[in-house]
Amino acid sequence: LTFHTTKSSPRRFLLCFSFSEIESIKKFFRTIIHEEDVDYARFESKMDGTDIVTFRENDKAFRLFGTNIHVKVGAYVAGVIGFAVTIAFCVTYTFYHSRGLGRNPFLDHLELVDLIFAFVVGLPCHILLFWSIAKEKLLFSPFLVFYVTNFAMNVIFAIITVIAASLDLHQQLFGNIKYDLGWTVFQVVFTASQGLAIYVVMRCRKYVAAKLHWKQRNNEVRIFSTTVQIHYR
């Protein structure tokens, strides 16, 4: 048994790998924005001997991490925590943060960008999330797009913070390294929390979409039955 390899094999593998990764990213964003590739019918079942379709409200797919915590509760918790942190961030960096006092100017500008983004986009998105969960409406995309965008921004900010601190070591040695390190730790923890919130809210949106699909089917069956009854009277 012999294996034949060519010089182009590694390059071909990298091209295939890159293509598959790009397709995975595209599929991820399509799922967020357009809610594609979801089979909602698997959460429905018919009652014995009838045409009545019931919705499995407590299906294991709507539970978080194998526990009894429903995705709706998890989304509320994630939204409340995110909303509280966003408000705290806006208040802290608006009224209690002193800029230009020996800190790296990169950090001040990045924090200002993050502040504007959180205030203008973040707060309304959280409010819309709460309304969508309560009313079971499919308006989760603004929140998810905001969190995915902010997630990417925070990763970049954290990397730039570390680089800026290392390039500005002379100033950091005069007492500011502790604060910058704390800011970096906050960025890392907050970014990880955002990733978890994205996952939980996507699971909740899947639950709401499945329930709306079930309601739509029931309405169609009810309208059809009513039409048939009127026709045969």
C-alpha atoms as a PDB file:
ATOM      1  CA  LEU A   1       0.000   0.000   0.000  1.00  0.00           C
ATOM      2  CA  THR A   2       1.514   3.298  -1.092  1.00  0.00           C
ATOM      3  CA  PHE A   3       0.468   6.878  -0.683  1.00  0.00           C
ATOM      4  CA  HIS A   4       1.172   9.486  -3.318  1.00  0.00           C
ATOM      5  CA  THR A   5       1.531  13.082  -2.280  1.00  0.00           C
ATOM      6  CA  THR A   6       2.194  16.186  -4.279  1.00  0.00           C
ATOM      7  CA  LYS A   7       3.602  19.543  -3.409  1.00  0.00           C
ATOM      8  CA  SER A   8       0.238  21.133  -4.034  1.00  0.00           C
ATOM      9  CA  SER A   9      -1.508  19.022  -1.357  1.00  0.00           C
ATOM     10  CA  PRO A  10      -0.795  21.386   1.590  1.00  0.00           C
ATOM     11  CA  ARG A  11      -1.861  24.368  -0.488  1.00  0.00           C
ATOM     12  CA  ARG A  12      -5.016  22.553  -1.590  1.00  0.00           C
ATOM     13  CA  PHE A  13      -5.772  21.627   2.023  1.00  0.00           C
ATOM     14  CA  LEU A  14      -5.339  25.228   3.155  1.00  0.00           C
ATOM     15  CA  LEU A  15      -7.619  26.469   0.385  1.00  0.00           C
ATOM     16  CA  CYS A  16     -10.312  23.928   1.305  1.00  0.00           C
ATOM     17  CA  PHE A  17      -9.928  24.734   4.992  1.00  0.00           C
ATOM     18  CA  SER A  18     -10.185  28.455   4.369  1.00  0.00           C
ATOM     19  CA  PHE A  19     -13.235  27.970   2.151  1.00  0.00           C
ATOM     20  CA  SER A  20     -14.978  25.822   4.764  1.00  0.00           C
ATOM     21  CA  GLU A  21     -14.226  28.359   7.474  1.00  0.00           C
ATOM     22  CA  ILE A  22     -15.609  31.191   5.355  1.00  0.00           C
ATOM     23  CA  GLU A  23     -18.760  29.171   4.646  1.00  0.00           C
ATOM     24  CA  SER A  24     -19.174  28.475   8.370  1.00  0.00           C
ATOM     25  CA  ILE A  25     -18.926  32.193   9.138  1.00  0.00           C
ATOM     26  CA  LYS A  26     -21.439  33.021   6.391  1.00  0.00           C
ATOM     27  CA  LYS A  27     -23.825  30.372   7.711  1.00  0.00           C
ATOM     28  CA  PHE A  28     -23.465  31.777  11.238  1.00  0.00           C
ATOM     29  CA  PHE A  29     -24.445  35.285  10.142  1.00  0.00           C
ATOM     30  CA  ARG A  30     -27.269  33.958   7.951  1.00  0.00           C
ATOM     31  CA  THR A  31     -28.610  32.161  11.009  1.00  0.00           C
ATOM     32  CA  ILE A  32     -28.457  35.377  13.033  1.00  0.00           C
ATOM     33  CA  ILE A  33     -30.064  37.640  10.437  1.00  0.00           C
ATOM     34  CA  HIS A  34     -32.318  35.381   8.348  1.00  0.00           C
ATOM     35  CA  GLU A  35     -32.906  32.413  10.722  1.00  0.00           C
ATOM     36  CA  GLU A  36     -32.051  29.814   8.097  1.00  0.00           C
ATOM     37  CA  ASP A  37     -31.372  26.098   8.451  1.00  0.00           C
ATOM     38  CA  VAL A  38     -33.740  25.470  11.364  1.00  0.00           C
ATOM     39  CA  ASP A  39     -36.296  22.624  11.409  1.00  0.00           C
ATOM     40  CA  TYR A  40     -39.057  23.915  13.681  1.00  0.00           C
ATOM     41  CA  ALA A  41     -41.395  20.996  12.977  1.00  0.00           C
ATOM     42  CA  ARG A  42     -39.328  18.696  15.191  1.00  0.00           C
ATOM     43  CA  PHE A  43     -40.604  20.591  18.238  1.00  0.00           C
ATOM     44  CA  GLU A  44     -44.210  19.796  17.349  1.00  0.00           C
ATOM     45  CA  SER A  45     -46.261  16.630  17.797  1.00  0.00           C
ATOM     46  CA  LYS A  46     -49.846  15.540  17.138  1.00  0.00           C
ATOM     47  CA  MET A  47     -52.201  14.420  19.871  1.00  0.00           C
ATOM     48  CA  ASP A  48     -53.242  10.782  19.586  1.00  0.00           C
ATOM     49  CA  GLY A  49     -56.186  10.292  17.239  1.00  0.00           C
ATOM     50  CA  THR A  50     -56.538  13.973  16.390  1.00  0.00           C
ATOM     51  CA  ASP A  51     -55.121  16.545  14.022  1.00  0.00           C
ATOM     52  CA  ILE A  52     -54.297  18.893  16.886  1.00  0.00           C
ATOM     53  CA  VAL A  53     -50.624  19.848  16.861  1.00  0.00           C
ATOM     54  CA  THR A  54     -49.044  20.593  20.228  1.00  0.00           C
ATOM     55  CA  PHE A  55     -45.841  22.500  20.915  1.00  0.00           C
ATOM     56  CA  ARG A  56     -43.265  20.939  23.224  1.00  0.00           C
ATOM     57  CA  GLU A  57     -42.641  23.977  25.380  1.00  0.00           C
ATOM     58  CA  ASN A  58     -40.155  22.217  27.637  1.00  0.00           C
ATOM     59  CA  ASP A  59     -38.223  20.284  25.016  1.00  0.00           C
ATOM     60  CA  LYS A  60     -34.626  19.595  26.024  1.00  0.00           C
ATOM     61  CA  ALA A  61     -33.520  21.790  23.107  1.00  0.00           C
ATOM     62  CA  PHE A  62     -34.982  24.729  25.044  1.00  0.00           C
ATOM     63  CA  ARG A  63     -32.970  23.985  28.187  1.00  0.00           C
ATOM     64  CA  LEU A  64     -29.536  25.426  28.871  1.00  0.00           C
ATOM     65  CA  PHE A  65     -26.476  23.227  29.359  1.00  0.00           C
ATOM     66  CA  GLY A  66     -28.490  20.148  30.331  1.00  0.00           C
ATOM     67  CA  THR A  67     -30.175  21.901  33.274  1.00  0.00           C
ATOM     68  CA  ASN A  68     -33.819  22.816  33.906  1.00  0.00           C
ATOM     69  CA  ILE A  69     -33.157  26.479  33.098  1.00  0.00           C
ATOM     70  CA  HIS A  70     -35.329  27.500  30.164  1.00  0.00           C
ATOM     71  CA  VAL A  71     -33.709  29.508  27.377  1.00  0.00           C
ATOM     72  CA  LYS A  72     -36.276  32.264  27.911  1.00  0.00           C
ATOM     73  CA  VAL A  73     -35.148  32.705  31.517  1.00  0.00           C
ATOM     74  CA  GLY A  74     -31.515  32.542  30.434  1.00  0.00           C
ATOM     75  CA  ALA A  75     -32.068  35.239  27.811  1.00  0.00           C
ATOM     76  CA  TYR A  76     -33.732  37.487  30.398  1.00  0.00           C
ATOM     77  CA  VAL A  77     -30.797  37.010  32.786  1.00  0.00           C
ATOM     78  CA  ALA A  78     -28.238  37.641  30.036  1.00  0.00           C
ATOM     79  CA  GLY A  79     -30.135  40.749  28.941  1.00  0.00           C
ATOM     80  CA  VAL A  80     -30.472  42.152  32.473  1.00  0.00           C
ATOM     81  CA  ILE A  81     -26.777  41.625  33.227  1.00  0.00           C
ATOM     82  CA  GLY A  82     -25.746  43.102  29.879  1.00  0.00           C
ATOM     83  CA  PHE A  83     -28.087  46.069  30.347  1.00  0.00           C
ATOM     84  CA  ALA A  84     -26.769  46.746  33.864  1.00  0.00           C
ATOM     85  CA  VAL A  85     -23.131  46.510  32.742  1.00  0.00           C
ATOM     86  CA  THR A  86     -23.818  48.779  29.760  1.00  0.00           C
ATOM     87  CA  ILE A  87     -25.462  51.420  31.985  1.00  0.00           C
ATOM     88  CA  ALA A  88     -22.628  51.166  34.517  1.00  0.00           C
ATOM     89  CA  PHE A  89     -20.077  51.517  31.727  1.00  0.00           C
ATOM     90  CA  CYS A  90     -21.839  54.580  30.276  1.00  0.00           C
ATOM     91  CA  VAL A  91     -22.173  56.280  33.676  1.00  0.00           C
ATOM     92  CA  THR A  92     -18.623  55.469  34.784  1.00  0.00           C
ATOM     93  CA  TYR A  93     -16.883  56.616  31.637  1.00  0.00           C
ATOM     94  CA  THR A  94     -19.098  59.703  31.273  1.00  0.00           C
ATOM     95  CA  PHE A  95     -18.976  61.167  34.791  1.00  0.00           C
ATOM     96  CA  TYR A  96     -16.199  59.460  36.757  1.00  0.00           C
ATOM     97  CA  HIS A  97     -13.437  58.748  34.267  1.00  0.00           C
ATOM     98  CA  SER A  98     -10.524  61.187  33.987  1.00  0.00           C
ATOM     99  CA  ARG A  99      -8.883  61.206  30.581  1.00  0.00           C
ATOM    100  CA  GLY A 100      -5.432  62.394  29.638  1.00  0.00           C
ATOM    101  CA  LEU A 101      -3.875  61.950  33.096  1.00  0.00           C
ATOM    102  CA  GLY A 102      -0.800  60.045  32.015  1.00  0.00           C
ATOM    103  CA  ARG A 103      -2.709  57.122  30.550  1.00  0.00           C
ATOM    104  CA  ASN A 104      -2.068  55.859  27.066  1.00  0.00           C
ATOM    105  CA  PRO A 105      -4.012  58.018  24.564  1.00  0.00           C
ATOM    106  CA  PHE A 106      -4.952  54.904  22.590  1.00  0.00           C
ATOM    107  CA  LEU A 107      -7.024  53.685  25.518  1.00  0.00           C
ATOM    108  CA  ASP A 108      -8.847  56.976  25.924  1.00  0.00           C
ATOM    109  CA  HIS A 109      -9.903  57.049  22.285  1.00  0.00           C
ATOM    110  CA  LEU A 110     -10.938  53.397  22.293  1.00  0.00           C
ATOM    111  CA  GLU A 111     -12.986  53.843  25.452  1.00  0.00           C
ATOM    112  CA  LEU A 112     -14.707  56.866  23.908  1.00  0.00           C
ATOM    113  CA  VAL A 113     -15.641  54.858  20.804  1.00  0.00           C
ATOM    114  CA  ASP A 114     -16.923  52.021  22.992  1.00  0.00           C
ATOM    115  CA  LEU A 115     -18.907  54.497  25.107  1.00  0.00           C
ATOM    116  CA  ILE A 116     -20.676  56.072  22.119  1.00  0.00           C
ATOM    117  CA  PHE A 117     -21.413  52.665  20.610  1.00  0.00           C
ATOM    118  CA  ALA A 118     -22.803  51.323  23.903  1.00  0.00           C
ATOM    119  CA  PHE A 119     -24.989  54.379  24.549  1.00  0.00           C
ATOM    120  CA  VAL A 120     -26.380  54.898  21.044  1.00  0.00           C
ATOM    121  CA  VAL A 121     -26.783  51.247  20.011  1.00  0.00           C
ATOM    122  CA  GLY A 122     -26.392  49.035  23.080  1.00  0.00           C
ATOM    123  CA  LEU A 123     -29.100  50.412  25.369  1.00  0.00           C
ATOM    124  CA  PRO A 124     -31.895  50.421  22.727  1.00  0.00           C
ATOM    125  CA  CYS A 125     -30.928  46.888  21.652  1.00  0.00           C
ATOM    126  CA  HIS A 126     -31.305  45.591  25.215  1.00  0.00           C
ATOM    127  CA  ILE A 127     -34.731  47.215  25.557  1.00  0.00           C
ATOM    128  CA  LEU A 128     -35.800  45.695  22.241  1.00  0.00           C
ATOM    129  CA  LEU A 129     -34.548  42.297  23.447  1.00  0.00           C
ATOM    130  CA  PHE A 130     -36.726  42.429  26.579  1.00  0.00           C
ATOM    131  CA  TRP A 131     -39.764  43.401  24.498  1.00  0.00           C
ATOM    132  CA  SER A 132     -39.084  40.606  21.985  1.00  0.00           C
ATOM    133  CA  ILE A 133     -38.842  37.971  24.724  1.00  0.00           C
ATOM    134  CA  ALA A 134     -41.967  39.185  26.533  1.00  0.00           C
ATOM    135  CA  LYS A 135     -44.094  39.494  23.388  1.00  0.00           C
ATOM    136  CA  GLU A 136     -42.445  36.512  21.636  1.00  0.00           C
ATOM    137  CA  LYS A 137     -41.503  38.525  18.568  1.00  0.00           C
ATOM    138  CA  LEU A 138     -38.607  37.747  16.247  1.00  0.00           C
ATOM    139  CA  LEU A 139     -36.722  40.997  16.752  1.00  0.00           C
ATOM    140  CA  PHE A 140     -33.552  39.514  18.222  1.00  0.00           C
ATOM    141  CA  SER A 141     -31.292  40.414  15.293  1.00  0.00           C
ATOM    142  CA  PRO A 142     -30.411  43.989  16.433  1.00  0.00           C
ATOM    143  CA  PHE A 143     -29.249  42.671  19.817  1.00  0.00           C
ATOM    144  CA  LEU A 144     -27.288  39.813  18.257  1.00  0.00           C
ATOM    145  CA  VAL A 145     -25.674  42.015  15.614  1.00  0.00           C
ATOM    146  CA  PHE A 146     -24.750  44.547  18.316  1.00  0.00           C
ATOM    147  CA  TYR A 147     -23.223  41.866  20.533  1.00  0.00           C
ATOM    148  CA  VAL A 148     -21.338  40.168  17.697  1.00  0.00           C
ATOM    149  CA  THR A 149     -19.979  43.543  16.562  1.00  0.00           C
ATOM    150  CA  ASN A 150     -19.112  44.566  20.106  1.00  0.00           C
ATOM    151  CA  PHE A 151     -17.556  41.147  20.701  1.00  0.00           C
ATOM    152  CA  ALA A 152     -15.210  41.671  17.746  1.00  0.00           C
ATOM    153  CA  MET A 153     -14.466  45.248  18.836  1.00  0.00           C
ATOM    154  CA  ASN A 154     -13.631  44.154  22.380  1.00  0.00           C
ATOM    155  CA  VAL A 155     -11.250  41.487  21.118  1.00  0.00           C
ATOM    156  CA  ILE A 156      -9.459  44.124  19.044  1.00  0.00           C
ATOM    157  CA  PHE A 157      -9.517  46.620  21.931  1.00  0.00           C
ATOM    158  CA  ALA A 158      -8.037  44.080  24.339  1.00  0.00           C
ATOM    159  CA  ILE A 159      -5.217  43.249  21.914  1.00  0.00           C
ATOM    160  CA  ILE A 160      -4.473  46.938  21.275  1.00  0.00           C
ATOM    161  CA  THR A 161      -4.532  47.602  25.018  1.00  0.00           C
ATOM    162  CA  VAL A 162      -1.855  44.997  25.657  1.00  0.00           C
ATOM    163  CA  ILE A 163       0.273  46.306  22.780  1.00  0.00           C
ATOM    164  CA  ALA A 164      -0.168  49.928  23.874  1.00  0.00           C
ATOM    165  CA  ALA A 165       0.783  49.075  27.445  1.00  0.00           C
ATOM    166  CA  SER A 166       3.956  47.307  26.320  1.00  0.00           C
ATOM    167  CA  LEU A 167       4.957  50.179  23.996  1.00  0.00           C
ATOM    168  CA  ASP A 168       4.272  52.730  26.720  1.00  0.00           C
ATOM    169  CA  LEU A 169       6.151  50.873  29.445  1.00  0.00           C
ATOM    170  CA  HIS A 170       7.935  53.962  30.745  1.00  0.00           C
ATOM    171  CA  GLN A 171       4.695  55.715  31.671  1.00  0.00           C
ATOM    172  CA  GLN A 172       3.164  52.491  32.933  1.00  0.00           C
ATOM    173  CA  LEU A 173       5.913  52.114  35.518  1.00  0.00           C
ATOM    174  CA  PHE A 174       4.744  55.309  37.244  1.00  0.00           C
ATOM    175  CA  GLY A 175       1.623  53.805  38.721  1.00  0.00           C
ATOM    176  CA  ASN A 176      -0.768  53.326  35.827  1.00  0.00           C
ATOM    177  CA  ILE A 177      -0.098  49.698  34.987  1.00  0.00           C
ATOM    178  CA  LYS A 178      -2.553  48.458  37.594  1.00  0.00           C
ATOM    179  CA  TYR A 179      -5.442  50.437  36.097  1.00  0.00           C
ATOM    180  CA  ASP A 180      -4.622  49.448  32.522  1.00  0.00           C
ATOM    181  CA  LEU A 181      -4.339  45.820  33.564  1.00  0.00           C
ATOM    182  CA  GLY A 182      -7.723  46.082  35.233  1.00  0.00           C
ATOM    183  CA  TRP A 183      -9.197  47.551  32.056  1.00  0.00           C
ATOM    184  CA  THR A 184      -7.738  44.684  30.052  1.00  0.00           C
ATOM    185  CA  VAL A 185      -9.112  42.084  32.471  1.00  0.00           C
ATOM    186  CA  PHE A 186     -12.515  43.765  32.269  1.00  0.00           C
ATOM    187  CA  GLN A 187     -12.377  43.629  28.473  1.00  0.00           C
ATOM    188  CA  VAL A 188     -11.496  39.918  28.479  1.00  0.00           C
ATOM    189  CA  VAL A 189     -14.174  38.974  31.040  1.00  0.00           C
ATOM    190  CA  PHE A 190     -16.812  41.147  29.392  1.00  0.00           C
ATOM    191  CA  THR A 191     -15.959  39.741  25.957  1.00  0.00           C
ATOM    192  CA  ALA A 192     -16.316  36.169  27.238  1.00  0.00           C
ATOM    193  CA  SER A 193     -19.638  37.104  28.853  1.00  0.00           C
ATOM    194  CA  GLN A 194     -20.818  38.583  25.574  1.00  0.00           C
ATOM    195  CA  GLY A 195     -19.996  35.333  23.800  1.00  0.00           C
ATOM    196  CA  LEU A 196     -22.109  33.442  26.336  1.00  0.00           C
ATOM    197  CA  ALA A 197     -24.944  35.965  25.989  1.00  0.00           C
ATOM    198  CA  ILE A 198     -24.896  35.576  22.198  1.00  0.00           C
ATOM    199  CA  TYR A 199     -25.249  31.809  22.575  1.00  0.00           C
ATOM    200  CA  VAL A 200     -28.115  32.035  25.096  1.00  0.00           C
ATOM    201  CA  VAL A 201     -30.077  34.647  23.123  1.00  0.00           C
ATOM    202  CA  MET A 202     -29.683  32.660  19.890  1.00  0.00           C
ATOM    203  CA  ARG A 203     -31.141  29.638  21.699  1.00  0.00           C
ATOM    204  CA  CYS A 204     -34.034  31.781  22.947  1.00  0.00           C
ATOM    205  CA  ARG A 205     -34.715  33.118  19.469  1.00  0.00           C
ATOM    206  CA  LYS A 206     -34.835  29.564  18.177  1.00  0.00           C
ATOM    207  CA  TYR A 207     -37.464  28.796  20.830  1.00  0.00           C
ATOM    208  CA  VAL A 208     -39.562  31.854  19.902  1.00  0.00           C
ATOM    209  CA  ALA A 209     -39.272  31.087  16.178  1.00  0.00           C
ATOM    210  CA  ALA A 210     -40.364  27.486  16.753  1.00  0.00           C
ATOM    211  CA  LYS A 211     -43.352  28.609  18.824  1.00  0.00           C
ATOM    212  CA  LEU A 212     -44.397  31.169  16.213  1.00  0.00           C
ATOM    213  CA  HIS A 213     -44.115  28.484  13.543  1.00  0.00           C
ATOM    214  CA  TRP A 214     -46.449  26.276  15.599  1.00  0.00           C
ATOM    215  CA  LYS A 215     -48.945  29.126  16.103  1.00  0.00           C
ATOM    216  CA  GLN A 216     -48.939  29.868  12.392  1.00  0.00           C
ATOM    217  CA  ARG A 217     -49.639  26.234  11.529  1.00  0.00           C
ATOM    218  CA  ASN A 218     -52.466  26.085  14.062  1.00  0.00           C
ATOM    219  CA  ASN A 219     -54.012  29.245  12.640  1.00  0.00           C
ATOM    220  CA  GLU A 220     -53.829  27.825   9.125  1.00  0.00           C
ATOM    221  CA  VAL A 221     -55.505  24.588  10.257  1.00  0.00           C
ATOM    222  CA  ARG A 222     -58.192  26.525  12.134  1.00  0.00           C
ATOM    223  CA  ILE A 223     -58.923  28.744   9.124  1.00  0.00           C
ATOM    224  CA  PHE A 224     -59.060  25.709   6.847  1.00  0.00           C
ATOM    225  CA  SER A 225     -61.434  23.862   9.209  1.00  0.00           C
ATOM    226  CA  THR A 226     -63.692  26.899   9.490  1.00  0.00           C
ATOM    227  CA  THR A 227     -63.780  27.273   5.709  1.00  0.00           C
ATOM    228  CA  VAL A 228     -64.699  23.606   5.250  1.00  0.00           C
ATOM    229  CA  GLN A 229     -67.478  23.824   7.842  1.00  0.00           C
ATOM    230  CA  ILE A 230     -68.965  26.904   6.176  1.00  0.00           C
ATOM    231  CA  HIS A 231     -68.748  25.256   2.754  1.00  0.00           C
ATOM    232  CA  TYR A 232     -70.676  22.138   3.833  1.00  0.00           C
ATOM    233  CA  ARG A 233     -73.416  23.906   5.763  1.00  0.00           C
END
